Amino acid sequence: MKTTRKRYTGEFKARVALEAIRGDLTLAELAAKHGIHPTMIATWKRQAIAGMAATFSGATEAAKAAGDTEIEKLYAKIGQLVVERDFLSKGFAR
């Protein structure tokens, strides 16, 4: 019998990480409450804190702008390759 790994939604992870950041309960208590391993909660907490830092530093906006520039370059390259393909297909058709 094959067992599959349990997958948690982003909303659930965020809620548990926020509880861990608040510190009202220990990681062991949170793990018992939600039925997951304390190491997983610690990882989600660490990821949440890193994500918050990136949000306030503006790193996500810079990454998005760089991604948009890269997409424009790729579209230009695709256009160039289509023109070359069409040109070469006309030459072979003769």
PDB file of N, CA and C in Angstrom:
ATOM      1  N   MET A   1       0.847  -1.182   0.000  1.00  0.00           N
ATOM      2  CA  MET A   1       0.000   0.000   0.000  1.00  0.00           C
ATOM      3  C   MET A   1       0.890   1.242   0.000  1.00  0.00           C
ATOM      4  N   LYS A   2       0.622   2.147  -0.909  1.00  0.00           N
ATOM      5  CA  LYS A   2       1.421   3.357  -1.042  1.00  0.00           C
ATOM      6  C   LYS A   2       0.798   4.479  -0.212  1.00  0.00           C
ATOM      7  N   THR A   3       1.618   5.101   0.631  1.00  0.00           N
ATOM      8  CA  THR A   3       1.125   6.246   1.396  1.00  0.00           C
ATOM      9  C   THR A   3       1.633   7.516   0.741  1.00  0.00           C
ATOM     10  N   THR A   4       0.774   8.501   0.682  1.00  0.00           N
ATOM     11  CA  THR A   4       1.162   9.765   0.075  1.00  0.00           C
ATOM     12  C   THR A   4       1.436  10.794   1.167  1.00  0.00           C
ATOM     13  N   ARG A   5       2.297  11.703   0.831  1.00  0.00           N
ATOM     14  CA  ARG A   5       2.665  12.754   1.766  1.00  0.00           C
ATOM     15  C   ARG A   5       1.535  13.750   1.907  1.00  0.00           C
ATOM     16  N   LYS A   6       1.281  14.165   3.116  1.00  0.00           N
ATOM     17  CA  LYS A   6       0.223  15.145   3.385  1.00  0.00           C
ATOM     18  C   LYS A   6       0.675  16.508   2.875  1.00  0.00           C
ATOM     19  N   ARG A   7      -0.195  17.187   2.190  1.00  0.00           N
ATOM     20  CA  ARG A   7       0.103  18.523   1.674  1.00  0.00           C
ATOM     21  C   ARG A   7      -0.754  19.535   2.416  1.00  0.00           C
ATOM     22  N   TYR A   8      -0.123  20.624   2.791  1.00  0.00           N
ATOM     23  CA  TYR A   8      -0.813  21.671   3.542  1.00  0.00           C
ATOM     24  C   TYR A   8      -0.971  22.895   2.663  1.00  0.00           C
ATOM     25  N   THR A   9      -2.097  23.581   2.821  1.00  0.00           N
ATOM     26  CA  THR A   9      -2.349  24.786   2.028  1.00  0.00           C
ATOM     27  C   THR A   9      -1.487  25.926   2.554  1.00  0.00           C
ATOM     28  N   GLY A  10      -1.291  26.912   1.699  1.00  0.00           N
ATOM     29  CA  GLY A  10      -0.529  28.085   2.097  1.00  0.00           C
ATOM     30  C   GLY A  10      -1.198  28.833   3.232  1.00  0.00           C
ATOM     31  N   GLU A  11      -2.523  28.835   3.227  1.00  0.00           N
ATOM     32  CA  GLU A  11      -3.269  29.518   4.287  1.00  0.00           C
ATOM     33  C   GLU A  11      -3.029  28.841   5.638  1.00  0.00           C
ATOM     34  N   PHE A  12      -3.040  27.506   5.647  1.00  0.00           N
ATOM     35  CA  PHE A  12      -2.804  26.766   6.884  1.00  0.00           C
ATOM     36  C   PHE A  12      -1.383  27.011   7.394  1.00  0.00           C
ATOM     37  N   LYS A  13      -0.414  26.960   6.471  1.00  0.00           N
ATOM     38  CA  LYS A  13       0.985  27.193   6.859  1.00  0.00           C
ATOM     39  C   LYS A  13       1.155  28.594   7.454  1.00  0.00           C
ATOM     40  N   ALA A  14       0.530  29.582   6.818  1.00  0.00           N
ATOM     41  CA  ALA A  14       0.640  30.955   7.299  1.00  0.00           C
ATOM     42  C   ALA A  14       0.024  31.107   8.682  1.00  0.00           C
ATOM     43  N   ARG A  15      -1.130  30.467   8.893  1.00  0.00           N
ATOM     44  CA  ARG A  15      -1.802  30.563  10.184  1.00  0.00           C
ATOM     45  C   ARG A  15      -0.951  29.934  11.290  1.00  0.00           C
ATOM     46  N   VAL A  16      -0.372  28.759  11.011  1.00  0.00           N
ATOM     47  CA  VAL A  16       0.468  28.080  12.007  1.00  0.00           C
ATOM     48  C   VAL A  16       1.748  28.879  12.248  1.00  0.00           C
ATOM     49  N   ALA A  17       2.353  29.402  11.184  1.00  0.00           N
ATOM     50  CA  ALA A  17       3.572  30.200  11.330  1.00  0.00           C
ATOM     51  C   ALA A  17       3.305  31.458  12.144  1.00  0.00           C
ATOM     52  N   LEU A  18       2.166  32.083  11.924  1.00  0.00           N
ATOM     53  CA  LEU A  18       1.809  33.279  12.685  1.00  0.00           C
ATOM     54  C   LEU A  18       1.635  32.951  14.163  1.00  0.00           C
ATOM     55  N   GLU A  19       1.017  31.802  14.453  1.00  0.00           N
ATOM     56  CA  GLU A  19       0.898  31.376  15.851  1.00  0.00           C
ATOM     57  C   GLU A  19       2.275  31.155  16.463  1.00  0.00           C
ATOM     58  N   ALA A  20       3.190  30.588  15.684  1.00  0.00           N
ATOM     59  CA  ALA A  20       4.548  30.349  16.186  1.00  0.00           C
ATOM     60  C   ALA A  20       5.285  31.660  16.423  1.00  0.00           C
ATOM     61  N   ILE A  21       5.080  32.616  15.541  1.00  0.00           N
ATOM     62  CA  ILE A  21       5.741  33.922  15.693  1.00  0.00           C
ATOM     63  C   ILE A  21       5.208  34.641  16.926  1.00  0.00           C
ATOM     64  N   ARG A  22       3.902  34.546  17.156  1.00  0.00           N
ATOM     65  CA  ARG A  22       3.323  35.180  18.350  1.00  0.00           C
ATOM     66  C   ARG A  22       3.955  34.648  19.619  1.00  0.00           C
ATOM     67  N   GLY A  23       4.225  33.344  19.661  1.00  0.00           N
ATOM     68  CA  GLY A  23       4.900  32.753  20.808  1.00  0.00           C
ATOM     69  C   GLY A  23       4.003  32.464  21.993  1.00  0.00           C
ATOM     70  N   ASP A  24       2.689  32.451  21.807  1.00  0.00           N
ATOM     71  CA  ASP A  24       1.785  32.129  22.911  1.00  0.00           C
ATOM     72  C   ASP A  24       1.951  30.674  23.347  1.00  0.00           C
ATOM     73  N   LEU A  25       2.226  29.795  22.380  1.00  0.00           N
ATOM     74  CA  LEU A  25       2.440  28.380  22.660  1.00  0.00           C
ATOM     75  C   LEU A  25       3.829  27.982  22.181  1.00  0.00           C
ATOM     76  N   THR A  26       4.398  26.946  22.779  1.00  0.00           N
ATOM     77  CA  THR A  26       5.693  26.445  22.310  1.00  0.00           C
ATOM     78  C   THR A  26       5.489  25.682  21.011  1.00  0.00           C
ATOM     79  N   LEU A  27       6.601  25.394  20.334  1.00  0.00           N
ATOM     80  CA  LEU A  27       6.507  24.631  19.095  1.00  0.00           C
ATOM     81  C   LEU A  27       5.914  23.246  19.349  1.00  0.00           C
ATOM     82  N   ALA A  28       6.283  22.647  20.461  1.00  0.00           N
ATOM     83  CA  ALA A  28       5.748  21.322  20.797  1.00  0.00           C
ATOM     84  C   ALA A  28       4.235  21.382  21.020  1.00  0.00           C
ATOM     85  N   GLU A  29       3.772  22.427  21.695  1.00  0.00           N
ATOM     86  CA  GLU A  29       2.334  22.585  21.929  1.00  0.00           C
ATOM     87  C   GLU A  29       1.586  22.826  20.611  1.00  0.00           C
ATOM     88  N   LEU A  30       2.183  23.655  19.739  1.00  0.00           N
ATOM     89  CA  LEU A  30       1.565  23.903  18.435  1.00  0.00           C
ATOM     90  C   LEU A  30       1.522  22.624  17.601  1.00  0.00           C
ATOM     91  N   ALA A  31       2.595  21.844  17.683  1.00  0.00           N
ATOM     92  CA  ALA A  31       2.652  20.592  16.931  1.00  0.00           C
ATOM     93  C   ALA A  31       1.563  19.633  17.391  1.00  0.00           C
ATOM     94  N   ALA A  32       1.374  19.548  18.690  1.00  0.00           N
ATOM     95  CA  ALA A  32       0.328  18.673  19.225  1.00  0.00           C
ATOM     96  C   ALA A  32      -1.058  19.200  18.835  1.00  0.00           C
ATOM     97  N   LYS A  33      -1.229  20.499  18.865  1.00  0.00           N
ATOM     98  CA  LYS A  33      -2.516  21.108  18.541  1.00  0.00           C
ATOM     99  C   LYS A  33      -2.917  20.839  17.085  1.00  0.00           C
ATOM    100  N   HIS A  34      -1.948  20.950  16.169  1.00  0.00           N
ATOM    101  CA  HIS A  34      -2.242  20.830  14.742  1.00  0.00           C
ATOM    102  C   HIS A  34      -1.901  19.453  14.170  1.00  0.00           C
ATOM    103  N   GLY A  35      -1.240  18.607  14.956  1.00  0.00           N
ATOM    104  CA  GLY A  35      -0.908  17.268  14.488  1.00  0.00           C
ATOM    105  C   GLY A  35       0.201  17.229  13.459  1.00  0.00           C
ATOM    106  N   ILE A  36       1.185  18.119  13.593  1.00  0.00           N
ATOM    107  CA  ILE A  36       2.321  18.132  12.674  1.00  0.00           C
ATOM    108  C   ILE A  36       3.610  18.171  13.476  1.00  0.00           C
ATOM    109  N   HIS A  37       4.728  17.952  12.803  1.00  0.00           N
ATOM    110  CA  HIS A  37       6.021  17.888  13.484  1.00  0.00           C
ATOM    111  C   HIS A  37       6.535  19.294  13.823  1.00  0.00           C
ATOM    112  N   PRO A  38       7.165  19.467  14.996  1.00  0.00           N
ATOM    113  CA  PRO A  38       7.671  20.791  15.388  1.00  0.00           C
ATOM    114  C   PRO A  38       8.697  21.368  14.414  1.00  0.00           C
ATOM    115  N   THR A  39       9.490  20.502  13.781  1.00  0.00           N
ATOM    116  CA  THR A  39      10.482  20.987  12.819  1.00  0.00           C
ATOM    117  C   THR A  39       9.802  21.667  11.637  1.00  0.00           C
ATOM    118  N   MET A  40       8.664  21.121  11.224  1.00  0.00           N
ATOM    119  CA  MET A  40       7.919  21.706  10.111  1.00  0.00           C
ATOM    120  C   MET A  40       7.420  23.098  10.492  1.00  0.00           C
ATOM    121  N   ILE A  41       6.947  23.246  11.717  1.00  0.00           N
ATOM    122  CA  ILE A  41       6.473  24.549  12.173  1.00  0.00           C
ATOM    123  C   ILE A  41       7.625  25.545  12.206  1.00  0.00           C
ATOM    124  N   ALA A  42       8.784  25.106  12.686  1.00  0.00           N
ATOM    125  CA  ALA A  42       9.958  25.986  12.740  1.00  0.00           C
ATOM    126  C   ALA A  42      10.363  26.431  11.336  1.00  0.00           C
ATOM    127  N   THR A  43      10.287  25.515  10.374  1.00  0.00           N
ATOM    128  CA  THR A  43      10.625  25.854   8.988  1.00  0.00           C
ATOM    129  C   THR A  43       9.644  26.880   8.429  1.00  0.00           C
ATOM    130  N   TRP A  44       8.357  26.664   8.656  1.00  0.00           N
ATOM    131  CA  TRP A  44       7.347  27.611   8.174  1.00  0.00           C
ATOM    132  C   TRP A  44       7.522  28.977   8.821  1.00  0.00           C
ATOM    133  N   LYS A  45       7.871  28.989  10.098  1.00  0.00           N
ATOM    134  CA  LYS A  45       8.092  30.249  10.821  1.00  0.00           C
ATOM    135  C   LYS A  45       9.269  30.991  10.192  1.00  0.00           C
ATOM    136  N   ARG A  46      10.349  30.272   9.935  1.00  0.00           N
ATOM    137  CA  ARG A  46      11.538  30.873   9.330  1.00  0.00           C
ATOM    138  C   ARG A  46      11.213  31.426   7.948  1.00  0.00           C
ATOM    139  N   GLN A  47      10.444  30.670   7.148  1.00  0.00           N
ATOM    140  CA  GLN A  47      10.069  31.127   5.811  1.00  0.00           C
ATOM    141  C   GLN A  47       9.167  32.356   5.878  1.00  0.00           C
ATOM    142  N   ALA A  48       8.272  32.393   6.852  1.00  0.00           N
ATOM    143  CA  ALA A  48       7.373  33.536   6.997  1.00  0.00           C
ATOM    144  C   ALA A  48       8.160  34.796   7.342  1.00  0.00           C
ATOM    145  N   ILE A  49       9.107  34.666   8.240  1.00  0.00           N
ATOM    146  CA  ILE A  49       9.913  35.826   8.635  1.00  0.00           C
ATOM    147  C   ILE A  49      10.752  36.311   7.464  1.00  0.00           C
ATOM    148  N   ALA A  50      11.334  35.393   6.710  1.00  0.00           N
ATOM    149  CA  ALA A  50      12.131  35.777   5.535  1.00  0.00           C
ATOM    150  C   ALA A  50      11.247  36.443   4.486  1.00  0.00           C
ATOM    151  N   GLY A  51      10.025  35.931   4.320  1.00  0.00           N
ATOM    152  CA  GLY A  51       9.100  36.522   3.351  1.00  0.00           C
ATOM    153  C   GLY A  51       8.682  37.922   3.736  1.00  0.00           C
ATOM    154  N   MET A  52       8.507  38.137   5.039  1.00  0.00           N
ATOM    155  CA  MET A  52       8.136  39.481   5.497  1.00  0.00           C
ATOM    156  C   MET A  52       9.265  40.460   5.231  1.00  0.00           C
ATOM    157  N   ALA A  53      10.492  40.044   5.478  1.00  0.00           N
ATOM    158  CA  ALA A  53      11.637  40.921   5.246  1.00  0.00           C
ATOM    159  C   ALA A  53      11.716  41.302   3.770  1.00  0.00           C
ATOM    160  N   ALA A  54      11.483  40.338   2.886  1.00  0.00           N
ATOM    161  CA  ALA A  54      11.524  40.620   1.448  1.00  0.00           C
ATOM    162  C   ALA A  54      10.394  41.558   1.043  1.00  0.00           C
ATOM    163  N   THR A  55       9.248  41.416   1.654  1.00  0.00           N
ATOM    164  CA  THR A  55       8.111  42.270   1.339  1.00  0.00           C
ATOM    165  C   THR A  55       8.408  43.728   1.665  1.00  0.00           C
ATOM    166  N   PHE A  56       8.999  43.953   2.819  1.00  0.00           N
ATOM    167  CA  PHE A  56       9.267  45.329   3.242  1.00  0.00           C
ATOM    168  C   PHE A  56      10.526  45.910   2.616  1.00  0.00           C
ATOM    169  N   SER A  57      11.412  45.074   2.091  1.00  0.00           N
ATOM    170  CA  SER A  57      12.637  45.590   1.497  1.00  0.00           C
ATOM    171  C   SER A  57      12.443  45.977   0.039  1.00  0.00           C
ATOM    172  N   GLY A  58      11.327  45.571  -0.558  1.00  0.00           N
ATOM    173  CA  GLY A  58      11.086  45.889  -1.962  1.00  0.00           C
ATOM    174  C   GLY A  58      11.781  44.926  -2.898  1.00  0.00           C
ATOM    175  N   ALA A  59      12.333  43.833  -2.380  1.00  0.00           N
ATOM    176  CA  ALA A  59      13.035  42.871  -3.218  1.00  0.00           C
ATOM    177  C   ALA A  59      12.091  42.190  -4.194  1.00  0.00           C
ATOM    178  N   THR A  60      10.852  42.013  -3.815  1.00  0.00           N
ATOM    179  CA  THR A  60       9.901  41.349  -4.708  1.00  0.00           C
ATOM    180  C   THR A  60       9.598  42.229  -5.913  1.00  0.00           C
ATOM    181  N   GLU A  61       9.535  43.547  -5.718  1.00  0.00           N
ATOM    182  CA  GLU A  61       9.277  44.449  -6.839  1.00  0.00           C
ATOM    183  C   GLU A  61      10.445  44.452  -7.810  1.00  0.00           C
ATOM    184  N   ALA A  62      11.674  44.427  -7.282  1.00  0.00           N
ATOM    185  CA  ALA A  62      12.855  44.402  -8.143  1.00  0.00           C
ATOM    186  C   ALA A  62      12.906  43.096  -8.925  1.00  0.00           C
ATOM    187  N   ALA A  63      12.562  41.993  -8.283  1.00  0.00           N
ATOM    188  CA  ALA A  63      12.564  40.698  -8.958  1.00  0.00           C
ATOM    189  C   ALA A  63      11.504  40.666 -10.050  1.00  0.00           C
ATOM    190  N   LYS A  64      10.353  41.266  -9.789  1.00  0.00           N
ATOM    191  CA  LYS A  64       9.277  41.300 -10.789  1.00  0.00           C
ATOM    192  C   LYS A  64       9.700  42.140 -11.990  1.00  0.00           C
ATOM    193  N   ALA A  65      10.358  43.279 -11.749  1.00  0.00           N
ATOM    194  CA  ALA A  65      10.815  44.131 -12.842  1.00  0.00           C
ATOM    195  C   ALA A  65      11.864  43.402 -13.679  1.00  0.00           C
ATOM    196  N   ALA A  66      12.767  42.684 -13.017  1.00  0.00           N
ATOM    197  CA  ALA A  66      13.779  41.922 -13.738  1.00  0.00           C
ATOM    198  C   ALA A  66      13.129  40.812 -14.549  1.00  0.00           C
ATOM    199  N   GLY A  67      12.097  40.192 -13.998  1.00  0.00           N
ATOM    200  CA  GLY A  67      11.370  39.147 -14.712  1.00  0.00           C
ATOM    201  C   GLY A  67      10.662  39.689 -15.939  1.00  0.00           C
ATOM    202  N   ASP A  68      10.076  40.881 -15.827  1.00  0.00           N
ATOM    203  CA  ASP A  68       9.398  41.501 -16.962  1.00  0.00           C
ATOM    204  C   ASP A  68      10.393  41.808 -18.079  1.00  0.00           C
ATOM    205  N   THR A  69      11.579  42.286 -17.717  1.00  0.00           N
ATOM    206  CA  THR A  69      12.613  42.574 -18.706  1.00  0.00           C
ATOM    207  C   THR A  69      13.029  41.297 -19.410  1.00  0.00           C
ATOM    208  N   GLU A  70      13.196  40.233 -18.656  1.00  0.00           N
ATOM    209  CA  GLU A  70      13.590  38.942 -19.225  1.00  0.00           C
ATOM    210  C   GLU A  70      12.506  38.422 -20.176  1.00  0.00           C
ATOM    211  N   ILE A  71      11.255  38.602 -19.814  1.00  0.00           N
ATOM    212  CA  ILE A  71      10.145  38.158 -20.666  1.00  0.00           C
ATOM    213  C   ILE A  71      10.151  38.927 -21.983  1.00  0.00           C
ATOM    214  N   GLU A  72      10.411  40.231 -21.930  1.00  0.00           N
ATOM    215  CA  GLU A  72      10.467  41.027 -23.160  1.00  0.00           C
ATOM    216  C   GLU A  72      11.586  40.536 -24.071  1.00  0.00           C
ATOM    217  N   LYS A  73      12.742  40.213 -23.488  1.00  0.00           N
ATOM    218  CA  LYS A  73      13.864  39.691 -24.280  1.00  0.00           C
ATOM    219  C   LYS A  73      13.492  38.359 -24.926  1.00  0.00           C
ATOM    220  N   LEU A  74      12.811  37.506 -24.183  1.00  0.00           N
ATOM    221  CA  LEU A  74      12.427  36.200 -24.712  1.00  0.00           C
ATOM    222  C   LEU A  74      11.413  36.332 -25.848  1.00  0.00           C
ATOM    223  N   TYR A  75      10.455  37.253 -25.707  1.00  0.00           N
ATOM    224  CA  TYR A  75       9.489  37.476 -26.788  1.00  0.00           C
ATOM    225  C   TYR A  75      10.192  37.991 -28.042  1.00  0.00           C
ATOM    226  N   ALA A  76      11.174  38.863 -27.881  1.00  0.00           N
ATOM    227  CA  ALA A  76      11.922  39.368 -29.023  1.00  0.00           C
ATOM    228  C   ALA A  76      12.671  38.226 -29.715  1.00  0.00           C
ATOM    229  N   LYS A  77      13.266  37.350 -28.924  1.00  0.00           N
ATOM    230  CA  LYS A  77      14.000  36.212 -29.476  1.00  0.00           C
ATOM    231  C   LYS A  77      13.051  35.268 -30.212  1.00  0.00           C
ATOM    232  N   ILE A  78      11.875  35.037 -29.649  1.00  0.00           N
ATOM    233  CA  ILE A  78      10.881  34.182 -30.306  1.00  0.00           C
ATOM    234  C   ILE A  78      10.485  34.777 -31.652  1.00  0.00           C
ATOM    235  N   GLY A  79      10.269  36.084 -31.683  1.00  0.00           N
ATOM    236  CA  GLY A  79       9.921  36.752 -32.938  1.00  0.00           C
ATOM    237  C   GLY A  79      11.010  36.592 -33.976  1.00  0.00           C
ATOM    238  N   GLN A  80      12.259  36.751 -33.558  1.00  0.00           N
ATOM    239  CA  GLN A  80      13.395  36.610 -34.464  1.00  0.00           C
ATOM    240  C   GLN A  80      13.451  35.186 -35.011  1.00  0.00           C
ATOM    241  N   LEU A  81      13.269  34.196 -34.161  1.00  0.00           N
ATOM    242  CA  LEU A  81      13.330  32.803 -34.595  1.00  0.00           C
ATOM    243  C   LEU A  81      12.188  32.449 -35.545  1.00  0.00           C
ATOM    244  N   VAL A  82      11.019  33.018 -35.337  1.00  0.00           N
ATOM    245  CA  VAL A  82       9.886  32.773 -36.232  1.00  0.00           C
ATOM    246  C   VAL A  82      10.185  33.341 -37.614  1.00  0.00           C
ATOM    247  N   VAL A  83      10.735  34.541 -37.669  1.00  0.00           N
ATOM    248  CA  VAL A  83      11.071  35.158 -38.956  1.00  0.00           C
ATOM    249  C   VAL A  83      12.123  34.313 -39.681  1.00  0.00           C
ATOM    250  N   GLU A  84      13.144  33.855 -38.937  1.00  0.00           N
ATOM    251  CA  GLU A  84      14.177  33.029 -39.556  1.00  0.00           C
ATOM    252  C   GLU A  84      13.599  31.709 -40.066  1.00  0.00           C
ATOM    253  N   ARG A  85      12.722  31.093 -39.294  1.00  0.00           N
ATOM    254  CA  ARG A  85      12.105  29.834 -39.708  1.00  0.00           C
ATOM    255  C   ARG A  85      11.295  30.018 -40.978  1.00  0.00           C
ATOM    256  N   ASP A  86      10.499  31.100 -41.012  1.00  0.00           N
ATOM    257  CA  ASP A  86       9.688  31.356 -42.195  1.00  0.00           C
ATOM    258  C   ASP A  86      10.561  31.606 -43.425  1.00  0.00           C
ATOM    259  N   PHE A  87      11.651  32.335 -43.263  1.00  0.00           N
ATOM    260  CA  PHE A  87      12.563  32.640 -44.357  1.00  0.00           C
ATOM    261  C   PHE A  87      13.194  31.349 -44.886  1.00  0.00           C
ATOM    262  N   LEU A  88      13.648  30.500 -43.969  1.00  0.00           N
ATOM    263  CA  LEU A  88      14.290  29.259 -44.386  1.00  0.00           C
ATOM    264  C   LEU A  88      13.290  28.276 -45.003  1.00  0.00           C
ATOM    265  N   SER A  89      12.067  28.250 -44.502  1.00  0.00           N
ATOM    266  CA  SER A  89      11.072  27.336 -45.083  1.00  0.00           C
ATOM    267  C   SER A  89      10.710  27.743 -46.508  1.00  0.00           C
ATOM    268  N   LYS A  90      10.726  29.043 -46.800  1.00  0.00           N
ATOM    269  CA  LYS A  90      10.449  29.514 -48.154  1.00  0.00           C
ATOM    270  C   LYS A  90      11.588  29.103 -49.093  1.00  0.00           C
ATOM    271  N   GLY A  91      12.819  29.137 -48.579  1.00  0.00           N
ATOM    272  CA  GLY A  91      13.971  28.757 -49.397  1.00  0.00           C
ATOM    273  C   GLY A  91      13.969  27.289 -49.728  1.00  0.00           C
ATOM    274  N   PHE A  92      13.560  26.439 -48.792  1.00  0.00           N
ATOM    275  CA  PHE A  92      13.525  25.004 -49.052  1.00  0.00           C
ATOM    276  C   PHE A  92      12.336  24.596 -49.916  1.00  0.00           C
ATOM    277  N   ALA A  93      11.295  25.405 -49.911  1.00  0.00           N
ATOM    278  CA  ALA A  93      10.096  25.081 -50.680  1.00  0.00           C
ATOM    279  C   ALA A  93      10.334  25.224 -52.169  1.00  0.00           C
ATOM    280  N   ARG A  94      11.301  26.035 -52.554  1.00  0.00           N
ATOM    281  CA  ARG A  94      11.567  26.285 -53.991  1.00  0.00           C
ATOM    282  C   ARG A  94      12.223  25.141 -54.602  1.00  0.00           C
TER     283      ARG A  94
END
